[in-house]
């Protein structure tokens, strides 16, 4: 994870079909992400978005 990404942990993700997703934008503050999300929902009402906190460490799976 780059330095810029570590400074901007709040991420807006667009959910696509077939379990695909796209990172739309990164923010330092959750309130900034929520404001941007409201604008995105007005511009693209049929699209599905979520806000997550990206802590930067990969998730290890147990088998």
N, C-alpha and C. Protein backbone atom coordinates (compact mmCIF):
# COMPACT_ATOMS: atom_id res chain seq x y z
N UNK A 1 0.84 -1.17 0.00
CA UNK A 1 0.00 0.00 0.00
C UNK A 1 0.90 1.24 0.00
N UNK A 2 0.58 2.17 -0.87
CA UNK A 2 1.42 3.37 -0.99
C UNK A 2 1.17 4.33 0.18
N UNK A 3 2.07 5.27 0.33
CA UNK A 3 1.96 6.27 1.40
C UNK A 3 0.67 7.07 1.26
N UNK A 4 0.34 7.45 0.05
CA UNK A 4 -0.89 8.21 -0.21
C UNK A 4 -2.11 7.40 0.22
N UNK A 5 -2.14 6.13 -0.07
CA UNK A 5 -3.28 5.29 0.30
C UNK A 5 -3.39 5.14 1.82
N UNK A 6 -2.25 5.09 2.51
CA UNK A 6 -2.29 5.00 3.97
C UNK A 6 -2.82 6.27 4.60
N UNK A 7 -2.62 7.42 3.94
CA UNK A 7 -3.13 8.69 4.46
C UNK A 7 -4.63 8.86 4.19
N UNK A 8 -5.18 8.06 3.29
CA UNK A 8 -6.58 8.16 2.91
C UNK A 8 -7.26 6.80 3.08
N UNK A 9 -7.58 6.43 4.33
CA UNK A 9 -8.08 5.08 4.58
C UNK A 9 -9.56 4.85 4.23
N UNK A 10 -10.35 5.90 4.10
CA UNK A 10 -11.77 5.72 3.78
C UNK A 10 -11.93 5.63 2.27
N UNK A 11 -12.60 4.57 1.83
CA UNK A 11 -12.68 4.26 0.40
C UNK A 11 -14.15 4.11 -0.01
N UNK A 12 -14.49 4.72 -1.15
CA UNK A 12 -15.80 4.46 -1.76
C UNK A 12 -15.58 3.42 -2.84
N UNK A 13 -16.38 2.36 -2.78
CA UNK A 13 -16.27 1.27 -3.73
C UNK A 13 -17.59 1.13 -4.47
N UNK A 14 -17.49 0.96 -5.78
CA UNK A 14 -18.68 0.68 -6.60
C UNK A 14 -18.77 -0.82 -6.78
N UNK A 15 -19.91 -1.37 -6.42
CA UNK A 15 -20.13 -2.81 -6.57
C UNK A 15 -20.68 -3.09 -7.95
N UNK A 16 -20.04 -4.04 -8.63
CA UNK A 16 -20.44 -4.43 -9.97
C UNK A 16 -20.98 -5.85 -9.96
N UNK A 17 -21.39 -6.32 -11.10
CA UNK A 17 -21.92 -7.68 -11.19
C UNK A 17 -20.80 -8.71 -11.06
N UNK A 18 -21.16 -9.92 -10.76
CA UNK A 18 -20.24 -11.05 -10.64
C UNK A 18 -19.15 -10.82 -9.59
N UNK A 19 -19.56 -10.23 -8.45
CA UNK A 19 -18.67 -10.01 -7.31
C UNK A 19 -17.46 -9.14 -7.64
N UNK A 20 -17.57 -8.29 -8.63
CA UNK A 20 -16.48 -7.38 -8.98
C UNK A 20 -16.72 -6.04 -8.28
N UNK A 21 -15.63 -5.31 -8.09
CA UNK A 21 -15.73 -4.00 -7.44
C UNK A 21 -14.64 -3.07 -7.98
N UNK A 22 -14.91 -1.77 -7.87
CA UNK A 22 -13.98 -0.75 -8.35
C UNK A 22 -13.84 0.30 -7.27
N UNK A 23 -12.61 0.67 -6.94
CA UNK A 23 -12.37 1.76 -6.00
C UNK A 23 -12.61 3.07 -6.77
N UNK A 24 -13.56 3.85 -6.26
CA UNK A 24 -13.92 5.10 -6.91
C UNK A 24 -13.07 6.25 -6.40
N UNK A 25 -12.90 6.33 -5.07
CA UNK A 25 -12.15 7.44 -4.48
C UNK A 25 -11.71 7.09 -3.07
N UNK A 26 -10.66 7.80 -2.59
CA UNK A 26 -10.14 7.63 -1.23
C UNK A 26 -10.20 8.97 -0.51
N UNK A 27 -10.46 8.90 0.80
CA UNK A 27 -10.61 10.12 1.60
C UNK A 27 -9.93 9.96 2.95
N UNK A 28 -9.52 11.09 3.52
CA UNK A 28 -8.95 11.08 4.87
C UNK A 28 -10.01 10.96 5.93
N UNK A 29 -11.16 11.59 5.71
CA UNK A 29 -12.23 11.62 6.71
C UNK A 29 -13.47 10.91 6.18
N UNK A 30 -14.14 10.20 7.09
CA UNK A 30 -15.37 9.50 6.69
C UNK A 30 -16.44 10.49 6.23
N UNK A 31 -16.52 11.64 6.88
CA UNK A 31 -17.54 12.62 6.50
C UNK A 31 -17.33 13.11 5.06
N UNK A 32 -16.08 13.23 4.62
CA UNK A 32 -15.80 13.60 3.23
C UNK A 32 -16.28 12.50 2.29
N UNK A 33 -16.04 11.26 2.66
CA UNK A 33 -16.47 10.12 1.84
C UNK A 33 -17.99 10.08 1.75
N UNK A 34 -18.67 10.34 2.87
CA UNK A 34 -20.13 10.32 2.87
C UNK A 34 -20.71 11.43 1.99
N UNK A 35 -20.11 12.59 2.02
CA UNK A 35 -20.56 13.69 1.16
C UNK A 35 -20.39 13.36 -0.31
N UNK A 36 -19.26 12.78 -0.65
CA UNK A 36 -19.00 12.39 -2.04
C UNK A 36 -19.96 11.28 -2.46
N UNK A 37 -20.25 10.36 -1.55
CA UNK A 37 -21.16 9.27 -1.83
C UNK A 37 -22.56 9.80 -2.15
N UNK A 38 -23.02 10.81 -1.42
CA UNK A 38 -24.32 11.40 -1.70
C UNK A 38 -24.37 11.98 -3.11
N UNK A 39 -23.29 12.65 -3.52
CA UNK A 39 -23.25 13.20 -4.88
C UNK A 39 -23.25 12.09 -5.93
N UNK A 40 -22.49 11.03 -5.68
CA UNK A 40 -22.47 9.90 -6.62
C UNK A 40 -23.85 9.26 -6.76
N UNK A 41 -24.56 9.12 -5.65
CA UNK A 41 -25.89 8.52 -5.69
C UNK A 41 -26.88 9.39 -6.47
N UNK A 42 -26.71 10.72 -6.40
CA UNK A 42 -27.56 11.61 -7.20
C UNK A 42 -27.23 11.50 -8.68
N UNK A 43 -25.94 11.37 -9.00
CA UNK A 43 -25.52 11.30 -10.40
C UNK A 43 -25.79 9.93 -11.03
N UNK A 44 -25.65 8.87 -10.23
CA UNK A 44 -25.84 7.51 -10.73
C UNK A 44 -26.77 6.75 -9.78
N UNK A 45 -28.06 7.00 -9.84
CA UNK A 45 -28.98 6.40 -8.87
C UNK A 45 -29.09 4.88 -8.96
N UNK A 46 -28.78 4.29 -10.09
CA UNK A 46 -28.90 2.84 -10.25
C UNK A 46 -27.64 2.08 -9.80
N UNK A 47 -26.55 2.78 -9.59
CA UNK A 47 -25.30 2.14 -9.18
C UNK A 47 -25.31 1.90 -7.68
N UNK A 48 -24.55 0.88 -7.25
CA UNK A 48 -24.47 0.54 -5.83
C UNK A 48 -23.07 0.85 -5.32
N UNK A 49 -22.99 1.63 -4.25
CA UNK A 49 -21.72 2.04 -3.66
C UNK A 49 -21.71 1.69 -2.18
N UNK A 50 -20.49 1.49 -1.65
CA UNK A 50 -20.31 1.31 -0.21
C UNK A 50 -19.08 2.09 0.22
N UNK A 51 -19.03 2.42 1.50
CA UNK A 51 -17.85 3.06 2.11
C UNK A 51 -17.22 2.04 3.04
N UNK A 52 -15.90 1.87 2.92
CA UNK A 52 -15.18 0.97 3.82
C UNK A 52 -13.96 1.67 4.38
N UNK A 53 -13.45 1.14 5.48
CA UNK A 53 -12.19 1.59 6.05
C UNK A 53 -11.13 0.59 5.63
N UNK A 54 -10.16 1.02 4.84
CA UNK A 54 -9.11 0.15 4.33
C UNK A 54 -7.88 0.29 5.21
N UNK A 55 -7.65 -0.68 6.08
CA UNK A 55 -6.52 -0.58 7.01
C UNK A 55 -5.21 -0.98 6.37
N UNK A 56 -5.24 -1.54 5.17
CA UNK A 56 -4.04 -1.77 4.40
C UNK A 56 -3.35 -3.10 4.56
N UNK A 57 -3.78 -3.91 5.49
CA UNK A 57 -3.15 -5.21 5.66
C UNK A 57 -3.99 -6.27 4.96
N UNK A 58 -3.35 -7.16 4.21
CA UNK A 58 -4.12 -8.22 3.53
C UNK A 58 -4.74 -9.18 4.54
N UNK A 59 -5.89 -9.68 4.19
CA UNK A 59 -6.59 -10.64 5.03
C UNK A 59 -6.01 -12.03 4.77
N UNK A 60 -5.59 -12.69 5.83
CA UNK A 60 -5.04 -14.04 5.68
C UNK A 60 -6.18 -15.04 5.88
N UNK A 61 -6.27 -15.96 4.93
CA UNK A 61 -7.31 -16.96 5.00
C UNK A 61 -6.78 -18.22 5.66
N UNK A 62 -7.62 -18.83 6.47
CA UNK A 62 -7.24 -20.09 7.12
C UNK A 62 -7.87 -21.23 6.36
N UNK A 63 -7.08 -22.25 6.11
CA UNK A 63 -7.61 -23.42 5.40
C UNK A 63 -7.54 -24.63 6.29
